[in-house]
Amino acid sequence: MTVEGAQRSSSWREYTDQGLSKVLAAALAAFVEKGYDGASIREIASRAGLSVPGLYHHYPSKQAVLGG
């Protein structure tokens, strides 16, 4: 692939499948869209298809999700 092709096809805001869990992929999308402070645990849980208690079962805090 040429440098021009690489520049056209990639963007620092677009993420391909990184092999992340549903929770981490949901958190990444929320953090990119709204920033860390703007993304709520409720939103991350909803994007991941979990309840808030279900998310807290895996991660004790939003900071822990960020640390992945």
PDB file of N, CA and C in Angstrom:
ATOM      1  N   MET A   1       0.848  -1.169   0.000  1.00  0.00           N
ATOM      2  CA  MET A   1       0.000   0.000   0.000  1.00  0.00           C
ATOM      3  C   MET A   1       0.898   1.239   0.000  1.00  0.00           C
ATOM      4  N   THR A   2       0.503   2.213  -0.747  1.00  0.00           N
ATOM      5  CA  THR A   2       1.281   3.442  -0.811  1.00  0.00           C
ATOM      6  C   THR A   2       0.989   4.304   0.403  1.00  0.00           C
ATOM      7  N   VAL A   3       1.832   5.285   0.627  1.00  0.00           N
ATOM      8  CA  VAL A   3       1.616   6.212   1.735  1.00  0.00           C
ATOM      9  C   VAL A   3       0.296   6.951   1.544  1.00  0.00           C
ATOM     10  N   GLU A   4       0.000   7.357   0.307  1.00  0.00           N
ATOM     11  CA  GLU A   4      -1.257   8.045   0.046  1.00  0.00           C
ATOM     12  C   GLU A   4      -2.443   7.153   0.378  1.00  0.00           C
ATOM     13  N   GLY A   5      -2.375   5.881  -0.007  1.00  0.00           N
ATOM     14  CA  GLY A   5      -3.451   4.942   0.288  1.00  0.00           C
ATOM     15  C   GLY A   5      -3.624   4.728   1.778  1.00  0.00           C
ATOM     16  N   ALA A   6      -2.517   4.656   2.500  1.00  0.00           N
ATOM     17  CA  ALA A   6      -2.584   4.490   3.948  1.00  0.00           C
ATOM     18  C   ALA A   6      -3.208   5.709   4.594  1.00  0.00           C
ATOM     19  N   GLN A   7      -2.894   6.885   4.114  1.00  0.00           N
ATOM     20  CA  GLN A   7      -3.456   8.101   4.692  1.00  0.00           C
ATOM     21  C   GLN A   7      -4.948   8.194   4.421  1.00  0.00           C
ATOM     22  N   ARG A   8      -5.379   7.783   3.238  1.00  0.00           N
ATOM     23  CA  ARG A   8      -6.799   7.843   2.901  1.00  0.00           C
ATOM     24  C   ARG A   8      -7.611   6.831   3.686  1.00  0.00           C
ATOM     25  N   SER A   9      -7.061   5.664   3.932  1.00  0.00           N
ATOM     26  CA  SER A   9      -7.839   4.587   4.520  1.00  0.00           C
ATOM     27  C   SER A   9      -7.809   4.559   6.045  1.00  0.00           C
ATOM     28  N   SER A  10      -6.983   5.351   6.662  1.00  0.00           N
ATOM     29  CA  SER A  10      -6.930   5.307   8.118  1.00  0.00           C
ATOM     30  C   SER A  10      -7.177   6.672   8.722  1.00  0.00           C
ATOM     31  N   SER A  11      -7.765   6.653   9.862  1.00  0.00           N
ATOM     32  CA  SER A  11      -8.037   7.865  10.620  1.00  0.00           C
ATOM     33  C   SER A  11      -7.801   7.539  12.087  1.00  0.00           C
ATOM     34  N   TRP A  12      -7.229   8.447  12.791  1.00  0.00           N
ATOM     35  CA  TRP A  12      -6.961   8.192  14.201  1.00  0.00           C
ATOM     36  C   TRP A  12      -8.251   8.065  14.998  1.00  0.00           C
ATOM     37  N   ARG A  13      -9.382   8.487  14.433  1.00  0.00           N
ATOM     38  CA  ARG A  13     -10.666   8.384  15.133  1.00  0.00           C
ATOM     39  C   ARG A  13     -11.420   7.107  14.793  1.00  0.00           C
ATOM     40  N   GLU A  14     -10.946   6.347  13.838  1.00  0.00           N
ATOM     41  CA  GLU A  14     -11.598   5.110  13.444  1.00  0.00           C
ATOM     42  C   GLU A  14     -10.789   3.934  13.958  1.00  0.00           C
ATOM     43  N   TYR A  15     -11.462   3.041  14.657  1.00  0.00           N
ATOM     44  CA  TYR A  15     -10.792   1.885  15.233  1.00  0.00           C
ATOM     45  C   TYR A  15     -11.318   0.618  14.593  1.00  0.00           C
ATOM     46  N   THR A  16     -10.426  -0.198  14.116  1.00  0.00           N
ATOM     47  CA  THR A  16     -10.821  -1.499  13.608  1.00  0.00           C
ATOM     48  C   THR A  16     -10.936  -2.450  14.790  1.00  0.00           C
ATOM     49  N   ASP A  17     -11.387  -3.649  14.546  1.00  0.00           N
ATOM     50  CA  ASP A  17     -11.515  -4.630  15.610  1.00  0.00           C
ATOM     51  C   ASP A  17     -10.143  -4.853  16.246  1.00  0.00           C
ATOM     52  N   GLN A  18     -10.053  -4.553  17.515  1.00  0.00           N
ATOM     53  CA  GLN A  18      -8.790  -4.695  18.233  1.00  0.00           C
ATOM     54  C   GLN A  18      -8.775  -5.928  19.125  1.00  0.00           C
ATOM     55  N   GLY A  19      -9.796  -6.761  18.992  1.00  0.00           N
ATOM     56  CA  GLY A  19      -9.869  -7.943  19.837  1.00  0.00           C
ATOM     57  C   GLY A  19     -10.262  -7.612  21.265  1.00  0.00           C
ATOM     58  N   LEU A  20     -10.961  -6.487  21.447  1.00  0.00           N
ATOM     59  CA  LEU A  20     -11.369  -6.060  22.778  1.00  0.00           C
ATOM     60  C   LEU A  20     -12.665  -6.749  23.195  1.00  0.00           C
ATOM     61  N   SER A  21     -12.854  -6.869  24.488  1.00  0.00           N
ATOM     62  CA  SER A  21     -14.123  -7.377  24.998  1.00  0.00           C
ATOM     63  C   SER A  21     -15.222  -6.371  24.671  1.00  0.00           C
ATOM     64  N   LYS A  22     -16.479  -6.794  24.796  1.00  0.00           N
ATOM     65  CA  LYS A  22     -17.598  -5.889  24.528  1.00  0.00           C
ATOM     66  C   LYS A  22     -17.528  -4.647  25.416  1.00  0.00           C
ATOM     67  N   VAL A  23     -17.173  -4.837  26.678  1.00  0.00           N
ATOM     68  CA  VAL A  23     -17.112  -3.705  27.615  1.00  0.00           C
ATOM     69  C   VAL A  23     -16.022  -2.731  27.194  1.00  0.00           C
ATOM     70  N   LEU A  24     -14.845  -3.225  26.889  1.00  0.00           N
ATOM     71  CA  LEU A  24     -13.750  -2.333  26.516  1.00  0.00           C
ATOM     72  C   LEU A  24     -14.018  -1.640  25.182  1.00  0.00           C
ATOM     73  N   ALA A  25     -14.617  -2.355  24.229  1.00  0.00           N
ATOM     74  CA  ALA A  25     -14.970  -1.736  22.949  1.00  0.00           C
ATOM     75  C   ALA A  25     -16.024  -0.650  23.159  1.00  0.00           C
ATOM     76  N   ALA A  26     -17.003  -0.909  24.021  1.00  0.00           N
ATOM     77  CA  ALA A  26     -18.040   0.082  24.318  1.00  0.00           C
ATOM     78  C   ALA A  26     -17.443   1.302  25.017  1.00  0.00           C
ATOM     79  N   ALA A  27     -16.543   1.057  25.958  1.00  0.00           N
ATOM     80  CA  ALA A  27     -15.901   2.168  26.665  1.00  0.00           C
ATOM     81  C   ALA A  27     -15.054   2.996  25.704  1.00  0.00           C
ATOM     82  N   LEU A  28     -14.309   2.338  24.836  1.00  0.00           N
ATOM     83  CA  LEU A  28     -13.492   3.051  23.859  1.00  0.00           C
ATOM     84  C   LEU A  28     -14.364   3.950  22.990  1.00  0.00           C
ATOM     85  N   ALA A  29     -15.467   3.418  22.492  1.00  0.00           N
ATOM     86  CA  ALA A  29     -16.366   4.205  21.647  1.00  0.00           C
ATOM     87  C   ALA A  29     -16.945   5.394  22.415  1.00  0.00           C
ATOM     88  N   ALA A  30     -17.349   5.168  23.650  1.00  0.00           N
ATOM     89  CA  ALA A  30     -17.913   6.256  24.463  1.00  0.00           C
ATOM     90  C   ALA A  30     -16.855   7.307  24.791  1.00  0.00           C
ATOM     91  N   PHE A  31     -15.651   6.878  25.121  1.00  0.00           N
ATOM     92  CA  PHE A  31     -14.583   7.827  25.449  1.00  0.00           C
ATOM     93  C   PHE A  31     -14.203   8.660  24.232  1.00  0.00           C
ATOM     94  N   VAL A  32     -14.162   8.043  23.061  1.00  0.00           N
ATOM     95  CA  VAL A  32     -13.824   8.777  21.842  1.00  0.00           C
ATOM     96  C   VAL A  32     -14.919   9.791  21.525  1.00  0.00           C
ATOM     97  N   GLU A  33     -16.164   9.362  21.663  1.00  0.00           N
ATOM     98  CA  GLU A  33     -17.292  10.222  21.309  1.00  0.00           C
ATOM     99  C   GLU A  33     -17.518  11.349  22.308  1.00  0.00           C
ATOM    100  N   LYS A  34     -17.435  11.047  23.613  1.00  0.00           N
ATOM    101  CA  LYS A  34     -17.821  12.026  24.629  1.00  0.00           C
ATOM    102  C   LYS A  34     -16.700  12.443  25.568  1.00  0.00           C
ATOM    103  N   GLY A  35     -15.551  11.796  25.465  1.00  0.00           N
ATOM    104  CA  GLY A  35     -14.476  12.063  26.415  1.00  0.00           C
ATOM    105  C   GLY A  35     -14.685  11.254  27.680  1.00  0.00           C
ATOM    106  N   TYR A  36     -13.633  11.119  28.453  1.00  0.00           N
ATOM    107  CA  TYR A  36     -13.711  10.310  29.676  1.00  0.00           C
ATOM    108  C   TYR A  36     -14.754  10.869  30.634  1.00  0.00           C
ATOM    109  N   ASP A  37     -14.714  12.175  30.881  1.00  0.00           N
ATOM    110  CA  ASP A  37     -15.645  12.778  31.839  1.00  0.00           C
ATOM    111  C   ASP A  37     -17.089  12.744  31.355  1.00  0.00           C
ATOM    112  N   GLY A  38     -17.293  12.786  30.045  1.00  0.00           N
ATOM    113  CA  GLY A  38     -18.645  12.803  29.499  1.00  0.00           C
ATOM    114  C   GLY A  38     -19.287  11.432  29.367  1.00  0.00           C
ATOM    115  N   ALA A  39     -18.490  10.388  29.394  1.00  0.00           N
ATOM    116  CA  ALA A  39     -19.015   9.021  29.257  1.00  0.00           C
ATOM    117  C   ALA A  39     -19.385   8.479  30.632  1.00  0.00           C
ATOM    118  N   SER A  40     -20.604   8.030  30.763  1.00  0.00           N
ATOM    119  CA  SER A  40     -21.052   7.500  32.059  1.00  0.00           C
ATOM    120  C   SER A  40     -20.966   5.974  32.069  1.00  0.00           C
ATOM    121  N   ILE A  41     -20.917   5.430  33.254  1.00  0.00           N
ATOM    122  CA  ILE A  41     -20.949   3.973  33.417  1.00  0.00           C
ATOM    123  C   ILE A  41     -22.240   3.425  32.815  1.00  0.00           C
ATOM    124  N   ARG A  42     -23.339   4.136  33.003  1.00  0.00           N
ATOM    125  CA  ARG A  42     -24.625   3.707  32.454  1.00  0.00           C
ATOM    126  C   ARG A  42     -24.560   3.599  30.927  1.00  0.00           C
ATOM    127  N   GLU A  43     -23.942   4.589  30.293  1.00  0.00           N
ATOM    128  CA  GLU A  43     -23.815   4.567  28.836  1.00  0.00           C
ATOM    129  C   GLU A  43     -22.910   3.426  28.374  1.00  0.00           C
ATOM    130  N   ILE A  44     -21.794   3.235  29.044  1.00  0.00           N
ATOM    131  CA  ILE A  44     -20.875   2.151  28.684  1.00  0.00           C
ATOM    132  C   ILE A  44     -21.577   0.799  28.825  1.00  0.00           C
ATOM    133  N   ALA A  45     -22.293   0.616  29.923  1.00  0.00           N
ATOM    134  CA  ALA A  45     -23.017  -0.635  30.142  1.00  0.00           C
ATOM    135  C   ALA A  45     -24.050  -0.855  29.042  1.00  0.00           C
ATOM    136  N   SER A  46     -24.786   0.185  28.693  1.00  0.00           N
ATOM    137  CA  SER A  46     -25.804   0.081  27.654  1.00  0.00           C
ATOM    138  C   SER A  46     -25.185  -0.296  26.311  1.00  0.00           C
ATOM    139  N   ARG A  47     -24.079   0.349  25.955  1.00  0.00           N
ATOM    140  CA  ARG A  47     -23.400   0.043  24.686  1.00  0.00           C
ATOM    141  C   ARG A  47     -22.881  -1.391  24.656  1.00  0.00           C
ATOM    142  N   ALA A  48     -22.509  -1.907  25.822  1.00  0.00           N
ATOM    143  CA  ALA A  48     -21.962  -3.262  25.912  1.00  0.00           C
ATOM    144  C   ALA A  48     -23.057  -4.318  26.059  1.00  0.00           C
ATOM    145  N   GLY A  49     -24.320  -3.876  26.187  1.00  0.00           N
ATOM    146  CA  GLY A  49     -25.419  -4.822  26.356  1.00  0.00           C
ATOM    147  C   GLY A  49     -25.499  -5.404  27.751  1.00  0.00           C
ATOM    148  N   LEU A  50     -25.024  -4.634  28.743  1.00  0.00           N
ATOM    149  CA  LEU A  50     -25.037  -5.074  30.137  1.00  0.00           C
ATOM    150  C   LEU A  50     -25.877  -4.133  30.979  1.00  0.00           C
ATOM    151  N   SER A  51     -26.251  -4.597  32.152  1.00  0.00           N
ATOM    152  CA  SER A  51     -26.839  -3.711  33.142  1.00  0.00           C
ATOM    153  C   SER A  51     -25.690  -3.017  33.877  1.00  0.00           C
ATOM    154  N   VAL A  52     -26.004  -1.950  34.582  1.00  0.00           N
ATOM    155  CA  VAL A  52     -24.960  -1.267  35.364  1.00  0.00           C
ATOM    156  C   VAL A  52     -24.361  -2.224  36.403  1.00  0.00           C
ATOM    157  N   PRO A  53     -25.183  -2.966  37.180  1.00  0.00           N
ATOM    158  CA  PRO A  53     -24.582  -3.925  38.117  1.00  0.00           C
ATOM    159  C   PRO A  53     -23.742  -4.994  37.405  1.00  0.00           C
ATOM    160  N   GLY A  54     -24.175  -5.399  36.206  1.00  0.00           N
ATOM    161  CA  GLY A  54     -23.400  -6.378  35.448  1.00  0.00           C
ATOM    162  C   GLY A  54     -22.026  -5.844  35.078  1.00  0.00           C
ATOM    163  N   LEU A  55     -21.962  -4.564  34.703  1.00  0.00           N
ATOM    164  CA  LEU A  55     -20.673  -3.954  34.372  1.00  0.00           C
ATOM    165  C   LEU A  55     -19.799  -3.867  35.633  1.00  0.00           C
ATOM    166  N   TYR A  56     -20.424  -3.475  36.761  1.00  0.00           N
ATOM    167  CA  TYR A  56     -19.661  -3.376  38.011  1.00  0.00           C
ATOM    168  C   TYR A  56     -19.194  -4.746  38.507  1.00  0.00           C
ATOM    169  N   HIS A  57     -19.836  -5.818  38.038  1.00  0.00           N
ATOM    170  CA  HIS A  57     -19.367  -7.162  38.398  1.00  0.00           C
ATOM    171  C   HIS A  57     -17.974  -7.418  37.808  1.00  0.00           C
ATOM    172  N   HIS A  58     -17.728  -6.856  36.626  1.00  0.00           N
ATOM    173  CA  HIS A  58     -16.449  -7.058  35.936  1.00  0.00           C
ATOM    174  C   HIS A  58     -15.423  -5.968  36.227  1.00  0.00           C
ATOM    175  N   TYR A  59     -15.886  -4.746  36.452  1.00  0.00           N
ATOM    176  CA  TYR A  59     -14.997  -3.596  36.690  1.00  0.00           C
ATOM    177  C   TYR A  59     -15.548  -2.787  37.860  1.00  0.00           C
ATOM    178  N   PRO A  60     -14.735  -2.506  38.861  1.00  0.00           N
ATOM    179  CA  PRO A  60     -15.245  -1.798  40.046  1.00  0.00           C
ATOM    180  C   PRO A  60     -15.491  -0.304  39.830  1.00  0.00           C
ATOM    181  N   SER A  61     -14.985   0.264  38.737  1.00  0.00           N
ATOM    182  CA  SER A  61     -15.147   1.703  38.512  1.00  0.00           C
ATOM    183  C   SER A  61     -14.871   2.033  37.049  1.00  0.00           C
ATOM    184  N   LYS A  62     -15.215   3.256  36.657  1.00  0.00           N
ATOM    185  CA  LYS A  62     -14.905   3.704  35.300  1.00  0.00           C
ATOM    186  C   LYS A  62     -13.395   3.788  35.118  1.00  0.00           C
ATOM    187  N   GLN A  63     -12.682   4.152  36.137  1.00  0.00           N
ATOM    188  CA  GLN A  63     -11.219   4.210  36.074  1.00  0.00           C
ATOM    189  C   GLN A  63     -10.647   2.820  35.782  1.00  0.00           C
ATOM    190  N   ALA A  64     -11.233   1.791  36.364  1.00  0.00           N
ATOM    191  CA  ALA A  64     -10.763   0.421  36.113  1.00  0.00           C
ATOM    192  C   ALA A  64     -11.018   0.010  34.664  1.00  0.00           C
ATOM    193  N   VAL A  65     -12.145   0.460  34.084  1.00  0.00           N
ATOM    194  CA  VAL A  65     -12.422   0.187  32.673  1.00  0.00           C
ATOM    195  C   VAL A  65     -11.357   0.864  31.808  1.00  0.00           C
ATOM    196  N   LEU A  66     -11.021   2.081  32.140  1.00  0.00           N
ATOM    197  CA  LEU A  66     -10.013   2.823  31.398  1.00  0.00           C
ATOM    198  C   LEU A  66      -8.668   2.102  31.442  1.00  0.00           C
ATOM    199  N   GLY A  67      -8.346   1.536  32.573  1.00  0.00           N
ATOM    200  CA  GLY A  67      -7.088   0.799  32.720  1.00  0.00           C
ATOM    201  C   GLY A  67      -7.102  -0.545  32.007  1.00  0.00           C
ATOM    202  N   GLY A  68      -8.326  -1.006  31.639  1.00  0.00           N
ATOM    203  CA  GLY A  68      -8.496  -2.225  30.850  1.00  0.00           C
ATOM    204  C   GLY A  68      -7.840  -3.413  31.422  1.00  0.00           C
TER     205      GLY A  68
END
